[in-house]
C-alpha atoms as a PDB file:
ATOM      1  CA  MET A   1    -109.710  78.616 -86.375  1.00  0.00           C
ATOM      2  CA  SER A   2    -109.976  77.347 -82.800  1.00  0.00           C
ATOM      3  CA  ASP A   3    -108.778  79.318 -79.778  1.00  0.00           C
ATOM      4  CA  ALA A   4    -105.801  76.966 -79.510  1.00  0.00           C
ATOM      5  CA  GLU A   5    -104.785  77.836 -83.053  1.00  0.00           C
ATOM      6  CA  ARG A   6    -105.001  81.593 -82.472  1.00  0.00           C
ATOM      7  CA  GLU A   7    -101.446  82.575 -81.622  1.00  0.00           C
ATOM      8  CA  PRO A   8    -100.913  85.374 -79.105  1.00  0.00           C
ATOM      9  CA  ILE A   9    -100.245  88.728 -80.760  1.00  0.00           C
ATOM     10  CA  ASP A  10     -97.781  91.093 -79.104  1.00  0.00           C
ATOM     11  CA  ARG A  11     -99.641  94.407 -79.056  1.00  0.00           C
ATOM     12  CA  LEU A  12     -97.081  96.053 -76.800  1.00  0.00           C
ATOM     13  CA  VAL A  13     -94.969  96.680 -79.885  1.00  0.00           C
ATOM     14  CA  ASP A  14     -95.921  99.068 -82.658  1.00  0.00           C
ATOM     15  CA  PRO A  15     -98.198  97.673 -85.374  1.00  0.00           C
ATOM     16  CA  VAL A  16     -96.637  96.689 -88.674  1.00  0.00           C
ATOM     17  CA  LEU A  17     -99.372  98.689 -90.431  1.00  0.00           C
ATOM     18  CA  ARG A  18    -101.167 101.686 -88.931  1.00  0.00           C
ATOM     19  CA  VAL A  19    -104.035 103.669 -90.482  1.00  0.00           C
ATOM     20  CA  ARG A  20    -105.156 106.903 -88.833  1.00  0.00           C
ATOM     21  CA  ASP A  21    -108.150 109.135 -89.683  1.00  0.00           C
ATOM     22  CA  LEU A  22    -108.147 108.003 -93.307  1.00  0.00           C
ATOM     23  CA  HIS A  23    -110.534 109.731 -95.714  1.00  0.00           C
ATOM     24  CA  VAL A  24    -110.993 108.749 -99.362  1.00  0.00           C
ATOM     25  CA  THR A  25    -113.525 110.557-101.530  1.00  0.00           C
ATOM     26  CA  PHE A  26    -114.637 110.239-105.129  1.00  0.00           C
ATOM     27  CA  ALA A  27    -116.627 112.484-107.424  1.00  0.00           C
ATOM     28  CA  GLY A  28    -120.096 110.998-107.530  1.00  0.00           C
ATOM     29  CA  ARG A  29    -123.002 111.475-109.911  1.00  0.00           C
ATOM     30  CA  ARG A  30    -124.222 115.008-110.533  1.00  0.00           C
ATOM     31  CA  ARG A  31    -127.345 116.100-108.670  1.00  0.00           C
ATOM     32  CA  VAL A  32    -129.129 119.303-107.717  1.00  0.00           C
ATOM     33  CA  LEU A  33    -127.702 120.787-104.538  1.00  0.00           C
ATOM     34  CA  GLU A  34    -129.003 124.043-103.069  1.00  0.00           C
ATOM     35  CA  ARG A  35    -130.488 125.341-106.356  1.00  0.00           C
ATOM     36  CA  HIS A  36    -127.385 124.802-108.439  1.00  0.00           C
ATOM     37  CA  ARG A  37    -125.735 121.783-110.030  1.00  0.00           C
ATOM     38  CA  GLN A  38    -122.465 120.591-108.622  1.00  0.00           C
ATOM     39  CA  THR A  39    -120.584 117.341-108.342  1.00  0.00           C
ATOM     40  CA  ALA A  40    -121.608 115.223-105.364  1.00  0.00           C
ATOM     41  CA  VAL A  41    -118.785 113.769-103.281  1.00  0.00           C
ATOM     42  CA  ALA A  42    -118.872 110.099-102.299  1.00  0.00           C
ATOM     43  CA  ARG A  43    -117.208 109.562 -98.916  1.00  0.00           C
ATOM     44  CA  ALA A  44    -116.004 106.017 -99.539  1.00  0.00           C
ATOM     45  CA  VAL A  45    -113.679 105.929 -96.512  1.00  0.00           C
ATOM     46  CA  ASP A  46    -114.676 108.416 -93.861  1.00  0.00           C
ATOM     47  CA  GLY A  47    -112.269 108.574 -90.932  1.00  0.00           C
ATOM     48  CA  VAL A  48    -110.893 105.056 -90.417  1.00  0.00           C
ATOM     49  CA  ASP A  49    -108.385 104.001 -87.753  1.00  0.00           C
ATOM     50  CA  LEU A  50    -106.968 100.494 -88.078  1.00  0.00           C
ATOM     51  CA  ASP A  51    -103.916  98.603 -86.794  1.00  0.00           C
ATOM     52  CA  LEU A  52    -102.401  95.366 -88.077  1.00  0.00           C
ATOM     53  CA  PHE A  53     -99.798  93.702 -85.899  1.00  0.00           C
ATOM     54  CA  ASP A  54     -96.976  91.352 -86.816  1.00  0.00           C
ATOM     55  CA  GLY A  55     -98.292  87.858 -87.555  1.00  0.00           C
ATOM     56  CA  GLU A  56    -101.930  88.894 -87.105  1.00  0.00           C
ATOM     57  CA  VAL A  57    -104.976  88.174 -89.265  1.00  0.00           C
ATOM     58  CA  VAL A  58    -107.609  90.936 -89.301  1.00  0.00           C
ATOM     59  CA  ALA A  59    -110.909  90.528 -91.138  1.00  0.00           C
ATOM     60  CA  LEU A  60    -112.452  93.697 -92.567  1.00  0.00           C
ATOM     61  CA  ALA A  61    -116.142  92.866 -92.874  1.00  0.00           C
ATOM     62  CA  GLY A  62    -119.315  94.522 -94.118  1.00  0.00           C
ATOM     63  CA  GLU A  63    -121.842  94.705 -96.933  1.00  0.00           C
ATOM     64  CA  SER A  64    -120.922  95.495-100.514  1.00  0.00           C
ATOM     65  CA  GLY A  65    -120.354  99.224-100.933  1.00  0.00           C
ATOM     66  CA  CYS A  66    -119.324  99.872 -97.328  1.00  0.00           C
ATOM     67  CA  GLY A  67    -115.782 100.938 -98.291  1.00  0.00           C
ATOM     68  CA  LYS A  68    -113.798  97.766 -97.573  1.00  0.00           C
ATOM     69  CA  THR A  69    -112.144  97.448-100.967  1.00  0.00           C
ATOM     70  CA  THR A  70    -111.485 101.192-101.203  1.00  0.00           C
ATOM     71  CA  LEU A  71    -109.728 101.052 -97.830  1.00  0.00           C
ATOM     72  CA  ALA A  72    -107.660  98.080 -99.030  1.00  0.00           C
ATOM     73  CA  ARG A  73    -106.713  99.908-102.230  1.00  0.00           C
ATOM     74  CA  ALA A  74    -105.755 103.013-100.255  1.00  0.00           C
ATOM     75  CA  ILE A  75    -103.526 100.874 -98.023  1.00  0.00           C
ATOM     76  CA  MET A  76    -101.864  99.536-101.171  1.00  0.00           C
ATOM     77  CA  GLY A  77    -101.342 103.065-102.478  1.00  0.00           C
ATOM     78  CA  PHE A  78    -103.623 102.538-105.472  1.00  0.00           C
ATOM     79  CA  VAL A  79    -105.869 105.450-104.501  1.00  0.00           C
ATOM     80  CA  ALA A  80    -104.744 108.653-102.818  1.00  0.00           C
ATOM     81  CA  PRO A  81    -106.482 109.598 -99.561  1.00  0.00           C
ATOM     82  CA  GLU A  82    -107.885 113.075 -99.163  1.00  0.00           C
ATOM     83  CA  ARG A  83    -106.403 113.152 -95.680  1.00  0.00           C
ATOM     84  CA  GLY A  84    -105.132 110.839 -92.981  1.00  0.00           C
ATOM     85  CA  THR A  85    -102.000 108.720 -92.676  1.00  0.00           C
ATOM     86  CA  ILE A  86    -100.883 105.184 -93.495  1.00  0.00           C
ATOM     87  CA  GLU A  87     -97.697 103.995 -91.787  1.00  0.00           C
ATOM     88  CA  PHE A  88     -95.654 100.865 -92.411  1.00  0.00           C
ATOM     89  CA  ARG A  89     -93.328  99.994 -89.546  1.00  0.00           C
ATOM     90  CA  GLY A  90     -93.688 103.517 -88.188  1.00  0.00           C
ATOM     91  CA  LYS A  91     -92.870 105.289 -91.464  1.00  0.00           C
ATOM     92  CA  PRO A  92     -95.560 107.117 -93.450  1.00  0.00           C
ATOM     93  CA  LEU A  93     -96.111 106.244 -97.084  1.00  0.00           C
ATOM     94  CA  ASP A  94     -94.442 108.628 -99.482  1.00  0.00           C
ATOM     95  CA  ARG A  95     -94.556 109.018-103.218  1.00  0.00           C
ATOM     96  CA  ASP A  96     -91.953 106.294-103.760  1.00  0.00           C
ATOM     97  CA  LEU A  97     -94.116 103.219-103.271  1.00  0.00           C
ATOM     98  CA  ARG A  98     -91.789 100.674-104.876  1.00  0.00           C
ATOM     99  CA  ALA A  99     -90.088  99.539-101.663  1.00  0.00           C
ATOM    100  CA  TYR A 100     -93.390  99.566 -99.790  1.00  0.00           C
ATOM    101  CA  ARG A 101     -95.187  97.419-102.357  1.00  0.00           C
ATOM    102  CA  ARG A 102     -92.461  94.811-102.138  1.00  0.00           C
ATOM    103  CA  GLN A 103     -93.288  94.485 -98.421  1.00  0.00           C
ATOM    104  CA  VAL A 104     -97.089  94.790 -98.761  1.00  0.00           C
ATOM    105  CA  GLN A 105     -98.667  92.652-101.467  1.00  0.00           C
ATOM    106  CA  MET A 106    -102.285  92.312-102.599  1.00  0.00           C
ATOM    107  CA  VAL A 107    -104.195  89.138-103.481  1.00  0.00           C
ATOM    108  CA  TYR A 108    -107.224  89.886-105.646  1.00  0.00           C
ATOM    109  CA  GLN A 109    -110.738  88.487-105.586  1.00  0.00           C
ATOM    110  CA  ASP A 110    -110.764  87.207-109.162  1.00  0.00           C
ATOM    111  CA  PRO A 111    -107.635  85.192-110.032  1.00  0.00           C
ATOM    112  CA  THR A 112    -108.717  84.934-113.661  1.00  0.00           C
ATOM    113  CA  GLY A 113    -108.766  88.723-114.001  1.00  0.00           C
ATOM    114  CA  ALA A 114    -105.532  89.100-112.027  1.00  0.00           C
ATOM    115  CA  LEU A 115    -103.544  86.839-114.370  1.00  0.00           C
ATOM    116  CA  ASN A 116    -102.582  87.741-117.928  1.00  0.00           C
ATOM    117  CA  PRO A 117    -104.070  84.966-120.106  1.00  0.00           C
ATOM    118  CA  ARG A 118    -101.182  85.338-122.570  1.00  0.00           C
ATOM    119  CA  GLN A 119     -98.497  84.833-119.928  1.00  0.00           C
ATOM    120  CA  THR A 120     -97.260  81.495-118.709  1.00  0.00           C
ATOM    121  CA  ILE A 121     -97.441  80.774-114.991  1.00  0.00           C
ATOM    122  CA  TYR A 122     -93.672  81.249-114.863  1.00  0.00           C
ATOM    123  CA  ASP A 123     -93.902  84.765-116.304  1.00  0.00           C
ATOM    124  CA  SER A 124     -96.853  85.679-114.101  1.00  0.00           C
ATOM    125  CA  VAL A 125     -94.959  84.811-110.920  1.00  0.00           C
ATOM    126  CA  ALA A 126     -91.680  86.247-112.195  1.00  0.00           C
ATOM    127  CA  GLU A 127     -93.228  89.610-113.105  1.00  0.00           C
ATOM    128  CA  GLY A 128     -92.868  91.061-109.614  1.00  0.00           C
ATOM    129  CA  LEU A 129     -89.294  89.796-109.340  1.00  0.00           C
ATOM    130  CA  ARG A 130     -88.429  91.631-112.559  1.00  0.00           C
ATOM    131  CA  ILE A 131     -90.192  94.870-111.609  1.00  0.00           C
ATOM    132  CA  HIS A 132     -88.399  95.013-108.255  1.00  0.00           C
ATOM    133  CA  LYS A 133     -85.108  93.679-109.675  1.00  0.00           C
ATOM    134  CA  VAL A 134     -84.860  90.966-107.020  1.00  0.00           C
ATOM    135  CA  PRO A 135     -81.394  89.359-107.122  1.00  0.00           C
ATOM    136  CA  GLY A 136     -80.922  85.627-107.392  1.00  0.00           C
ATOM    137  CA  ASP A 137     -81.759  82.813-109.763  1.00  0.00           C
ATOM    138  CA  GLU A 138     -85.161  83.747-111.190  1.00  0.00           C
ATOM    139  CA  GLU A 139     -86.347  80.216-111.949  1.00  0.00           C
ATOM    140  CA  GLU A 140     -85.349  79.046-108.481  1.00  0.00           C
ATOM    141  CA  LEU A 141     -87.250  81.922-106.863  1.00  0.00           C
ATOM    142  CA  VAL A 142     -90.341  81.248-108.996  1.00  0.00           C
ATOM    143  CA  CYS A 143     -90.308  77.543-108.156  1.00  0.00           C
ATOM    144  CA  ARG A 144     -89.890  78.298-104.472  1.00  0.00           C
ATOM    145  CA  ALA A 145     -92.860  80.676-104.517  1.00  0.00           C
ATOM    146  CA  LEU A 146     -95.077  78.163-106.337  1.00  0.00           C
ATOM    147  CA  SER A 147     -94.082  75.443-103.893  1.00  0.00           C
ATOM    148  CA  ARG A 148     -94.856  77.672-100.889  1.00  0.00           C
ATOM    149  CA  ALA A 149     -98.269  78.370-102.417  1.00  0.00           C
ATOM    150  CA  GLY A 150     -98.986  74.638-102.589  1.00  0.00           C
ATOM    151  CA  LEU A 151     -98.330  74.041-106.294  1.00  0.00           C
ATOM    152  CA  ARG A 152     -96.039  71.014-106.227  1.00  0.00           C
ATOM    153  CA  PRO A 153     -93.993  69.992-108.057  1.00  0.00           C
ATOM    154  CA  PRO A 154     -93.615  73.572-109.277  1.00  0.00           C
ATOM    155  CA  GLU A 155     -91.899  72.564-112.508  1.00  0.00           C
ATOM    156  CA  ARG A 156     -95.171  71.042-113.674  1.00  0.00           C
ATOM    157  CA  PHE A 157     -96.846  74.475-113.790  1.00  0.00           C
ATOM    158  CA  LEU A 158     -94.117  76.713-115.223  1.00  0.00           C
ATOM    159  CA  LEU A 159     -95.123  76.536-118.884  1.00  0.00           C
ATOM    160  CA  GLN A 160     -98.859  76.272-118.374  1.00  0.00           C
ATOM    161  CA  PHE A 161    -101.312  79.121-118.996  1.00  0.00           C
ATOM    162  CA  PRO A 162    -104.048  80.297-116.604  1.00  0.00           C
ATOM    163  CA  HIS A 163    -106.881  78.689-118.610  1.00  0.00           C
ATOM    164  CA  GLU A 164    -105.248  75.292-118.108  1.00  0.00           C
ATOM    165  CA  LEU A 165    -105.602  75.513-114.320  1.00  0.00           C
ATOM    166  CA  SER A 166    -108.525  75.193-111.956  1.00  0.00           C
ATOM    167  CA  GLY A 167    -109.863  78.213-110.047  1.00  0.00           C
ATOM    168  CA  GLY A 168    -108.100  77.145-106.880  1.00  0.00           C
ATOM    169  CA  GLN A 169    -104.819  76.635-108.713  1.00  0.00           C
ATOM    170  CA  ARG A 170    -105.111  80.086-110.311  1.00  0.00           C
ATOM    171  CA  GLN A 171    -105.627  81.641-106.876  1.00  0.00           C
ATOM    172  CA  ARG A 172    -102.520  79.819-105.647  1.00  0.00           C
ATOM    173  CA  VAL A 173    -100.585  81.292-108.581  1.00  0.00           C
ATOM    174  CA  VAL A 174    -101.721  84.786-107.538  1.00  0.00           C
ATOM    175  CA  ILE A 175    -100.584  84.055-103.979  1.00  0.00           C
ATOM    176  CA  ALA A 176     -97.272  82.718-105.316  1.00  0.00           C
ATOM    177  CA  GLY A 177     -96.733  85.969-107.207  1.00  0.00           C
ATOM    178  CA  ALA A 178     -97.116  87.825-103.905  1.00  0.00           C
ATOM    179  CA  LEU A 179     -94.900  85.396-101.971  1.00  0.00           C
ATOM    180  CA  ALA A 180     -92.090  85.675-104.513  1.00  0.00           C
ATOM    181  CA  LEU A 181     -91.283  89.119-103.091  1.00  0.00           C
ATOM    182  CA  GLU A 182     -91.142  87.882 -99.453  1.00  0.00           C
ATOM    183  CA  PRO A 183     -93.799  90.337 -98.186  1.00  0.00           C
ATOM    184  CA  LYS A 184     -94.474  91.118 -94.537  1.00  0.00           C
ATOM    185  CA  VAL A 185     -98.159  91.946 -95.161  1.00  0.00           C
ATOM    186  CA  ILE A 186    -100.745  90.451 -97.508  1.00  0.00           C
ATOM    187  CA  VAL A 187    -103.943  92.370 -98.269  1.00  0.00           C
ATOM    188  CA  ALA A 188    -106.450  89.805 -99.535  1.00  0.00           C
ATOM    189  CA  ASP A 189    -109.635  91.166-101.139  1.00  0.00           C
ATOM    190  CA  GLU A 190    -112.351  88.475-100.969  1.00  0.00           C
ATOM    191  CA  PRO A 191    -109.732  85.832-101.883  1.00  0.00           C
ATOM    192  CA  VAL A 192    -112.106  82.840-101.822  1.00  0.00           C
ATOM    193  CA  SER A 193    -115.475  84.296-102.815  1.00  0.00           C
ATOM    194  CA  ASN A 194    -115.275  82.934-106.378  1.00  0.00           C
ATOM    195  CA  LEU A 195    -114.136  79.438-105.371  1.00  0.00           C
ATOM    196  CA  ASP A 196    -115.967  76.226-104.566  1.00  0.00           C
ATOM    197  CA  ALA A 197    -116.477  75.452-100.883  1.00  0.00           C
ATOM    198  CA  SER A 198    -113.887  72.663-100.815  1.00  0.00           C
ATOM    199  CA  VAL A 199    -111.273  74.848-102.479  1.00  0.00           C
ATOM    200  CA  ARG A 200    -112.013  77.753-100.110  1.00  0.00           C
ATOM    201  CA  GLY A 201    -110.860  75.663 -97.181  1.00  0.00           C
ATOM    202  CA  GLU A 202    -107.584  74.847 -98.920  1.00  0.00           C
ATOM    203  CA  ILE A 203    -106.831  78.513 -99.658  1.00  0.00           C
ATOM    204  CA  LEU A 204    -107.727  79.590 -96.115  1.00  0.00           C
ATOM    205  CA  ARG A 205    -105.486  76.866 -94.662  1.00  0.00           C
ATOM    206  CA  LEU A 206    -102.686  78.122 -96.909  1.00  0.00           C
ATOM    207  CA  LEU A 207    -103.102  81.692 -95.607  1.00  0.00           C
ATOM    208  CA  LEU A 208    -103.094  80.466 -92.005  1.00  0.00           C
ATOM    209  CA  GLN A 209     -99.988  78.405 -92.689  1.00  0.00           C
ATOM    210  CA  LEU A 210     -98.200  81.487 -94.057  1.00  0.00           C
ATOM    211  CA  ARG A 211     -99.207  83.401 -90.943  1.00  0.00           C
ATOM    212  CA  ARG A 212     -98.042  80.601 -88.639  1.00  0.00           C
ATOM    213  CA  ASP A 213     -94.801  79.603 -90.358  1.00  0.00           C
ATOM    214  CA  GLU A 214     -93.620  82.951 -91.729  1.00  0.00           C
ATOM    215  CA  ARG A 215     -95.336  85.500 -89.446  1.00  0.00           C
ATOM    216  CA  ILE A 216     -96.954  87.220 -92.416  1.00  0.00           C
ATOM    217  CA  SER A 217     -99.652  89.673 -91.349  1.00  0.00           C
ATOM    218  CA  ILE A 218    -102.912  89.386 -93.303  1.00  0.00           C
ATOM    219  CA  LEU A 219    -105.710  91.889 -93.807  1.00  0.00           C
ATOM    220  CA  ILE A 220    -108.576  89.947 -95.366  1.00  0.00           C
ATOM    221  CA  VAL A 221    -111.532  91.812 -96.884  1.00  0.00           C
ATOM    222  CA  THR A 222    -114.750  89.813 -96.676  1.00  0.00           C
ATOM    223  CA  HIS A 223    -118.529  90.057 -96.491  1.00  0.00           C
ATOM    224  CA  ASP A 224    -118.635  86.608 -94.874  1.00  0.00           C
ATOM    225  CA  LEU A 225    -118.521  86.607 -91.070  1.00  0.00           C
ATOM    226  CA  ALA A 226    -118.311  82.806 -91.038  1.00  0.00           C
ATOM    227  CA  LEU A 227    -115.013  83.154 -92.886  1.00  0.00           C
ATOM    228  CA  ALA A 228    -113.877  85.780 -90.375  1.00  0.00           C
ATOM    229  CA  TRP A 229    -114.614  83.352 -87.549  1.00  0.00           C
ATOM    230  CA  SER A 230    -112.516  80.678 -89.276  1.00  0.00           C
ATOM    231  CA  ILE A 231    -109.400  82.700 -89.940  1.00  0.00           C
ATOM    232  CA  ALA A 232    -109.202  86.040 -88.106  1.00  0.00           C
ATOM    233  CA  ASP A 233    -107.699  87.092 -84.787  1.00  0.00           C
ATOM    234  CA  ARG A 234    -109.662  90.346 -84.891  1.00  0.00           C
ATOM    235  CA  VAL A 235    -112.662  91.625 -86.827  1.00  0.00           C
ATOM    236  CA  ALA A 236    -113.331  95.208 -87.939  1.00  0.00           C
ATOM    237  CA  VAL A 237    -116.902  95.813 -89.155  1.00  0.00           C
ATOM    238  CA  MET A 238    -117.374  98.648 -91.660  1.00  0.00           C
ATOM    239  CA  TYR A 239    -120.528 100.541 -92.508  1.00  0.00           C
ATOM    240  CA  LEU A 240    -120.740 103.482 -94.908  1.00  0.00           C
ATOM    241  CA  GLY A 241    -117.028 104.212 -94.832  1.00  0.00           C
ATOM    242  CA  ARG A 242    -116.454 103.844 -91.092  1.00  0.00           C
ATOM    243  CA  ILE A 243    -115.501 101.081 -88.706  1.00  0.00           C
ATOM    244  CA  VAL A 244    -118.488 100.755 -86.361  1.00  0.00           C
ATOM    245  CA  GLU A 245    -117.178  97.834 -84.309  1.00  0.00           C
ATOM    246  CA  GLN A 246    -113.876  96.076 -83.901  1.00  0.00           C
ATOM    247  CA  GLY A 247    -112.264  93.699 -81.487  1.00  0.00           C
ATOM    248  CA  PRO A 248    -111.190  90.094 -80.918  1.00  0.00           C
ATOM    249  CA  THR A 249    -113.077  87.735 -83.190  1.00  0.00           C
ATOM    250  CA  ARG A 250    -114.745  85.805 -80.373  1.00  0.00           C
ATOM    251  CA  ASP A 251    -115.947  88.974 -78.641  1.00  0.00           C
ATOM    252  CA  VAL A 252    -117.295  90.660 -81.772  1.00  0.00           C
ATOM    253  CA  LEU A 253    -119.021  87.608 -83.232  1.00  0.00           C
ATOM    254  CA  LEU A 254    -120.385  86.052 -80.035  1.00  0.00           C
ATOM    255  CA  GLU A 255    -121.251  89.248 -78.154  1.00  0.00           C
ATOM    256  CA  PRO A 256    -121.644  92.014 -80.751  1.00  0.00           C
ATOM    257  CA  ARG A 257    -122.169  95.508 -79.361  1.00  0.00           C
ATOM    258  CA  HIS A 258    -123.422  97.151 -82.545  1.00  0.00           C
ATOM    259  CA  PRO A 259    -126.832  96.280 -84.065  1.00  0.00           C
ATOM    260  CA  TYR A 260    -125.300  96.302 -87.546  1.00  0.00           C
ATOM    261  CA  THR A 261    -122.869  93.543 -86.552  1.00  0.00           C
ATOM    262  CA  LYS A 262    -125.770  91.585 -85.081  1.00  0.00           C
ATOM    263  CA  ALA A 263    -127.766  92.078 -88.293  1.00  0.00           C
ATOM    264  CA  LEU A 264    -124.871  90.719 -90.375  1.00  0.00           C
ATOM    265  CA  LEU A 265    -124.629  87.713 -88.073  1.00  0.00           C
ATOM    266  CA  ASP A 266    -128.351  87.055 -88.387  1.00  0.00           C
ATOM    267  CA  VAL A 267    -127.967  86.244 -92.075  1.00  0.00           C
ATOM    268  CA  VAL A 268    -125.197  83.674 -91.496  1.00  0.00           C
ATOM    269  CA  PRO A 269    -126.882  80.279 -91.985  1.00  0.00           C
ATOM    270  CA  ASP A 270    -126.848  77.952 -88.980  1.00  0.00           C
ATOM    271  CA  SER A 271    -128.684  74.634 -89.188  1.00  0.00           C
ATOM    272  CA  ARG A 272    -128.742  74.379 -85.385  1.00  0.00           C
ATOM    273  CA  ASP A 273    -130.744  77.597 -85.005  1.00  0.00           C
ATOM    274  CA  ALA A 274    -134.479  76.823 -85.144  1.00  0.00           C
ATOM    275  CA  ASP A 275    -135.336  80.521 -85.320  1.00  0.00           C
ATOM    276  CA  ALA A 276    -133.015  81.311 -88.231  1.00  0.00           C
ATOM    277  CA  LEU A 277    -135.844  81.493 -90.784  1.00  0.00           C
ATOM    278  CA  THR A 278    -138.072  83.690 -88.627  1.00  0.00           C
ATOM    279  CA  ARG A 279    -135.551  86.282 -87.446  1.00  0.00           C
ATOM    280  CA  PRO A 280    -136.049  89.735 -88.983  1.00  0.00           C
ATOM    281  CA  LEU A 281    -133.362  90.480 -91.550  1.00  0.00           C
ATOM    282  CA  LEU A 282    -131.627  93.777 -92.140  1.00  0.00           C
ATOM    283  CA  SER A 283    -133.895  95.749 -94.459  1.00  0.00           C
ATOM    284  CA  GLY A 284    -133.035  98.148 -97.236  1.00  0.00           C
ATOM    285  CA  GLU A 285    -129.784  98.984 -98.969  1.00  0.00           C
ATOM    286  CA  PRO A 286    -126.916 101.056 -97.530  1.00  0.00           C
ATOM    287  CA  PRO A 287    -127.529 104.776 -98.231  1.00  0.00           C
ATOM    288  CA  ASP A 288    -125.795 106.573-101.068  1.00  0.00           C
ATOM    289  CA  PRO A 289    -122.256 107.513 -99.888  1.00  0.00           C
ATOM    290  CA  THR A 290    -122.832 110.944-101.430  1.00  0.00           C
ATOM    291  CA  ASN A 291    -125.690 111.475 -98.983  1.00  0.00           C
ATOM    292  CA  ILE A 292    -124.644 109.867 -95.699  1.00  0.00           C
ATOM    293  CA  PRO A 293    -127.264 110.286 -92.933  1.00  0.00           C
ATOM    294  CA  VAL A 294    -126.485 112.766 -90.178  1.00  0.00           C
ATOM    295  CA  ALA A 295    -125.909 111.506 -86.628  1.00  0.00           C
ATOM    296  CA  CYS A 296    -125.595 107.721 -86.445  1.00  0.00           C
ATOM    297  CA  ARG A 297    -125.227 106.705 -90.077  1.00  0.00           C
ATOM    298  CA  PHE A 298    -126.922 103.377 -89.376  1.00  0.00           C
ATOM    299  CA  HIS A 299    -130.052 104.831 -87.759  1.00  0.00           C
ATOM    300  CA  PRO A 300    -132.326 104.725 -90.861  1.00  0.00           C
ATOM    301  CA  ARG A 301    -131.921 100.920 -90.930  1.00  0.00           C
ATOM    302  CA  CYS A 302    -131.352 100.181 -87.248  1.00  0.00           C
ATOM    303  CA  PRO A 303    -133.602  97.382 -85.888  1.00  0.00           C
ATOM    304  CA  ALA A 304    -133.117  98.664 -82.313  1.00  0.00           C
ATOM    305  CA  LEU A 305    -134.511 102.041 -83.347  1.00  0.00           C
ATOM    306  CA  ALA A 306    -137.374 100.542 -85.355  1.00  0.00           C
ATOM    307  CA  ASP A 307    -138.604  98.222 -82.596  1.00  0.00           C
ATOM    308  CA  GLY A 308    -138.514 100.872 -79.857  1.00  0.00           C
ATOM    309  CA  GLU A 309    -135.547  99.468 -77.959  1.00  0.00           C
ATOM    310  CA  ALA A 310    -133.565 102.696 -78.405  1.00  0.00           C
ATOM    311  CA  ALA A 311    -136.522 104.767 -77.189  1.00  0.00           C
ATOM    312  CA  GLU A 312    -136.901 102.527 -74.145  1.00  0.00           C
ATOM    313  CA  ALA A 313    -133.231 103.091 -73.322  1.00  0.00           C
ATOM    314  CA  GLY A 314    -133.624 106.857 -73.743  1.00  0.00           C
ATOM    315  CA  VAL A 315    -131.229 107.211 -76.656  1.00  0.00           C
ATOM    316  CA  GLU A 316    -133.587 107.562 -79.638  1.00  0.00           C
ATOM    317  CA  SER A 317    -132.987 111.315 -79.853  1.00  0.00           C
ATOM    318  CA  ALA A 318    -129.205 110.831 -79.704  1.00  0.00           C
ATOM    319  CA  CYS A 319    -129.362 108.194 -82.443  1.00  0.00           C
ATOM    320  CA  ARG A 320    -131.051 110.711 -84.743  1.00  0.00           C
ATOM    321  CA  SER A 321    -128.971 113.761 -83.801  1.00  0.00           C
ATOM    322  CA  ASP A 322    -125.501 112.779 -82.498  1.00  0.00           C
ATOM    323  CA  ASP A 323    -122.673 110.997 -84.276  1.00  0.00           C
ATOM    324  CA  PRO A 324    -121.468 108.183 -81.977  1.00  0.00           C
ATOM    325  CA  VAL A 325    -117.766 107.592 -81.433  1.00  0.00           C
ATOM    326  CA  LEU A 326    -116.006 104.298 -80.842  1.00  0.00           C
ATOM    327  CA  ALA A 327    -116.242 103.453 -77.143  1.00  0.00           C
ATOM    328  CA  ARG A 328    -114.466 100.651 -75.345  1.00  0.00           C
ATOM    329  CA  PHE A 329    -116.482  97.691 -74.065  1.00  0.00           C
ATOM    330  CA  GLY A 330    -113.721  95.246 -73.193  1.00  0.00           C
ATOM    331  CA  GLU A 331    -110.127  94.345 -73.895  1.00  0.00           C
ATOM    332  CA  GLY A 332    -109.619  95.677 -77.417  1.00  0.00           C
ATOM    333  CA  HIS A 333    -113.366  95.669 -78.137  1.00  0.00           C
ATOM    334  CA  PHE A 334    -114.840  98.954 -79.436  1.00  0.00           C
ATOM    335  CA  ALA A 335    -118.200  99.957 -80.896  1.00  0.00           C
ATOM    336  CA  ALA A 336    -119.869 103.189 -82.012  1.00  0.00           C
ATOM    337  CA  CYS A 337    -123.446 102.860 -80.742  1.00  0.00           C
ATOM    338  CA  HIS A 338    -125.507 105.070 -78.420  1.00  0.00           C
ATOM    339  CA  LEU A 339    -127.606 102.119 -77.251  1.00  0.00           C
ATOM    340  CA  ALA A 340    -124.549 100.037 -76.381  1.00  0.00           C
ATOM    341  CA  GLY A 341    -123.165 102.957 -74.422  1.00  0.00           C
ATOM    342  CA  ALA A 342    -126.417 103.519 -72.529  1.00  0.00           C
ATOM    343  CA  ARG A 343    -127.029  99.911 -71.599  1.00  0.00           C
ATOM    344  CA  SER A 344    -123.642  98.269 -72.069  1.00  0.00           C
ATOM    345  CA  ALA A 345    -125.854  96.246 -74.353  1.00  0.00           C
ATOM    346  CA  VAL A 346    -124.794  92.933 -75.830  1.00  0.00           C
ATOM    347  CA  PHE A 347    -126.695  91.687 -78.866  1.00  0.00           C
ATOM    348  CA  ARG A 348    -126.212  88.036 -78.068  1.00  0.00           C
ATOM    349  CA  VAL A 349    -125.985  85.511 -80.853  1.00  0.00           C
ATOM    350  CA  PRO A 350    -128.037  82.315 -80.451  1.00  0.00           C
END
């Protein structure tokens, strides 16, 4: 998405969706702790703040296992947070999630798994209308949703089954099921990762069209920063349950402040970059969320710490002993990094 296509977002008003100090934990595998056996606790989401404004697209990015999908599921009300708040239009979620889920809909990664193979496309799209008892002519509403999702003429698809459609068409059916309820927010979990490259572009254009024409806000979960560049107004980068950098897409992806963001960008292929094959890649796997490192949780894998840059800046001790907080480095641009704070460092992207 070019700068001309990025519509201005009014951040003087309250966000449509607000997440504050959200914590989600799970019982992990059993291990020996302090001479006795007890259940380890996996801190999947560990103190996340996130805003989503009206008509905005935010990309939630990071490696597998960083907590992106758990955060998305908590926002949907599928998992209960240990503490923290989720607000929709200024009102906190309560136990009655029916009205909320009509306004906030989820699009899943795998359209084949999201659709019942024994249901026709008509029944799949109509299911939400029936659950929420939406008034009106059901067939007309289903056809309208299919048409908005790019399946035209909609009558052609009503009596078909998921196995009769292509992967892209199945994903459009999933999107149509969400659109049938006229949501204000769509939470899309890796919505194009299982699709061919040509079909990905079609689905992304559809999401941008919904944002532009209907002011639907979109939170898109992705591991692909190239996708974030194409579609998002803002990017929030997660690592081990926390957001370590967030800000306008151009700022975060062209002038990242956190070495983890830079490391993710280094693995994005770019045929114009002659050094792409020789750059050092991020080593190792993310630590076990039941045993998150103290201080900066990224420090065991941090390239700036390994190559002596942090020591040169005088922050090596802080990296190993102090937990950094999100600090502001520009208009809406925040990062949690001792080195960035010491040097106002920018990890420039070639």
